[in-house]
Amino acid sequence: MVGVIRGLFAFGLFTFFASAALAATPAETFVQQGVDRGVQILKDTSLTDAQRRAQVEDLLGSMMNTHRLALFCLGNVAKTAPPEDVEAFAAAF
């Protein structure tokens, strides 16, 4: 799970640093602040893995609707899969 989270932040860093030279809109500022906070969490050597995971999960949860994103990733399977399987996937996502 931590690898996935780090991958998401790496993708975010690549995507958002590429546009850092442009004038920041409110949305870009919001995203940049989130990326900066994520990097800060990942670099904090005083945190245990459990603390780091909890802080990253809180950050992602505050920035996006992770449940809806999980359902989007499932696509049509979300409509036909048993609800408990869908919820288990969303929780793991």
Protein backbone atom coordinates (compact mmCIF):
# COMPACT_ATOMS: atom_id res chain seq x y z
CA MET A 1 0.00 0.00 0.00
CA VAL A 2 2.82 2.39 0.85
CA GLY A 3 4.34 1.69 -2.57
CA VAL A 4 1.08 2.66 -4.25
CA ILE A 5 0.86 5.83 -2.20
CA ARG A 6 4.44 6.75 -3.02
CA GLY A 7 3.72 6.03 -6.69
CA LEU A 8 0.76 8.39 -6.61
CA PHE A 9 2.88 11.13 -5.10
CA ALA A 10 5.69 10.51 -7.59
CA PHE A 11 3.17 10.86 -10.41
CA GLY A 12 1.79 13.98 -8.78
CA LEU A 13 5.24 15.47 -8.40
CA PHE A 14 6.09 14.81 -12.03
CA THR A 15 2.81 16.20 -13.29
CA PHE A 16 2.61 19.27 -11.11
CA PHE A 17 6.27 20.29 -11.07
CA ALA A 18 6.14 20.34 -14.86
CA SER A 19 3.62 23.19 -14.70
CA ALA A 20 5.12 25.01 -11.70
CA ALA A 21 6.55 27.80 -13.88
CA LEU A 22 3.08 28.90 -15.00
CA ALA A 23 0.93 31.30 -13.02
CA ALA A 24 -0.87 29.30 -10.38
CA THR A 25 -4.65 29.14 -10.41
CA PRO A 26 -6.50 28.38 -7.17
CA ALA A 27 -6.79 24.73 -8.24
CA GLU A 28 -3.07 24.51 -9.02
CA THR A 29 -2.24 26.10 -5.69
CA PHE A 30 -4.47 23.57 -3.90
CA VAL A 31 -2.80 20.65 -5.64
CA GLN A 32 0.70 22.04 -5.14
CA GLN A 33 0.08 22.48 -1.43
CA GLY A 34 -1.10 18.86 -1.25
CA VAL A 35 1.94 17.60 -3.10
CA ASP A 36 4.22 19.67 -0.88
CA ARG A 37 2.53 18.27 2.23
CA GLY A 38 2.83 14.73 0.87
CA VAL A 39 6.53 15.13 0.20
CA GLN A 40 6.96 16.58 3.68
CA ILE A 41 5.25 13.52 5.19
CA LEU A 42 7.32 11.07 3.13
CA LYS A 43 10.58 12.80 4.06
CA ASP A 44 9.80 12.94 7.79
CA THR A 45 12.19 10.35 9.24
CA SER A 46 10.71 10.74 12.73
CA LEU A 47 7.48 8.99 11.66
CA THR A 48 6.94 5.26 11.92
CA ASP A 49 5.56 3.47 8.87
CA ALA A 50 2.13 3.32 10.53
CA GLN A 51 2.18 7.05 11.30
CA ARG A 52 3.35 7.88 7.79
CA ARG A 53 0.62 5.72 6.27
CA ALA A 54 -2.05 7.31 8.46
CA GLN A 55 -0.92 10.83 7.60
CA VAL A 56 -0.79 10.09 3.86
CA GLU A 57 -4.24 8.48 3.99
CA ASP A 58 -5.60 11.52 5.84
CA LEU A 59 -4.00 13.85 3.29
CA LEU A 60 -5.40 11.95 0.31
CA GLY A 61 -8.80 11.74 1.97
CA SER A 62 -8.82 15.49 2.52
CA MET A 63 -7.88 16.22 -1.10
CA MET A 64 -10.05 13.81 -3.05
CA ASN A 65 -13.01 11.48 -2.83
CA THR A 66 -11.04 8.24 -2.71
CA HIS A 67 -14.18 6.08 -2.57
CA ARG A 68 -15.51 7.57 -5.79
CA LEU A 69 -12.08 7.24 -7.40
CA ALA A 70 -11.95 3.56 -6.43
CA LEU A 71 -15.36 2.98 -8.02
CA PHE A 72 -14.19 4.75 -11.17
CA CYS A 73 -11.16 2.45 -11.32
CA LEU A 74 -13.42 -0.58 -11.06
CA GLY A 75 -15.53 0.63 -13.97
CA ASN A 76 -18.51 -1.57 -14.86
CA VAL A 77 -17.33 -4.24 -12.42
CA ALA A 78 -18.50 -1.95 -9.59
CA LYS A 79 -22.08 -2.40 -10.82
CA THR A 80 -22.00 -6.20 -10.99
CA ALA A 81 -19.64 -7.21 -8.18
CA PRO A 82 -21.00 -8.08 -4.74
CA PRO A 83 -21.26 -4.88 -2.66
CA GLU A 84 -18.98 -6.27 0.05
CA ASP A 85 -16.25 -6.89 -2.56
CA VAL A 86 -16.63 -3.39 -3.94
CA GLU A 87 -16.40 -1.90 -0.45
CA ALA A 88 -13.35 -4.05 0.37
CA PHE A 89 -11.66 -2.78 -2.80
CA ALA A 90 -12.57 0.82 -2.00
CA ALA A 91 -11.19 0.46 1.53
CA ALA A 92 -7.93 -1.03 0.23
CA PHE A 93 -7.69 1.60 -2.49
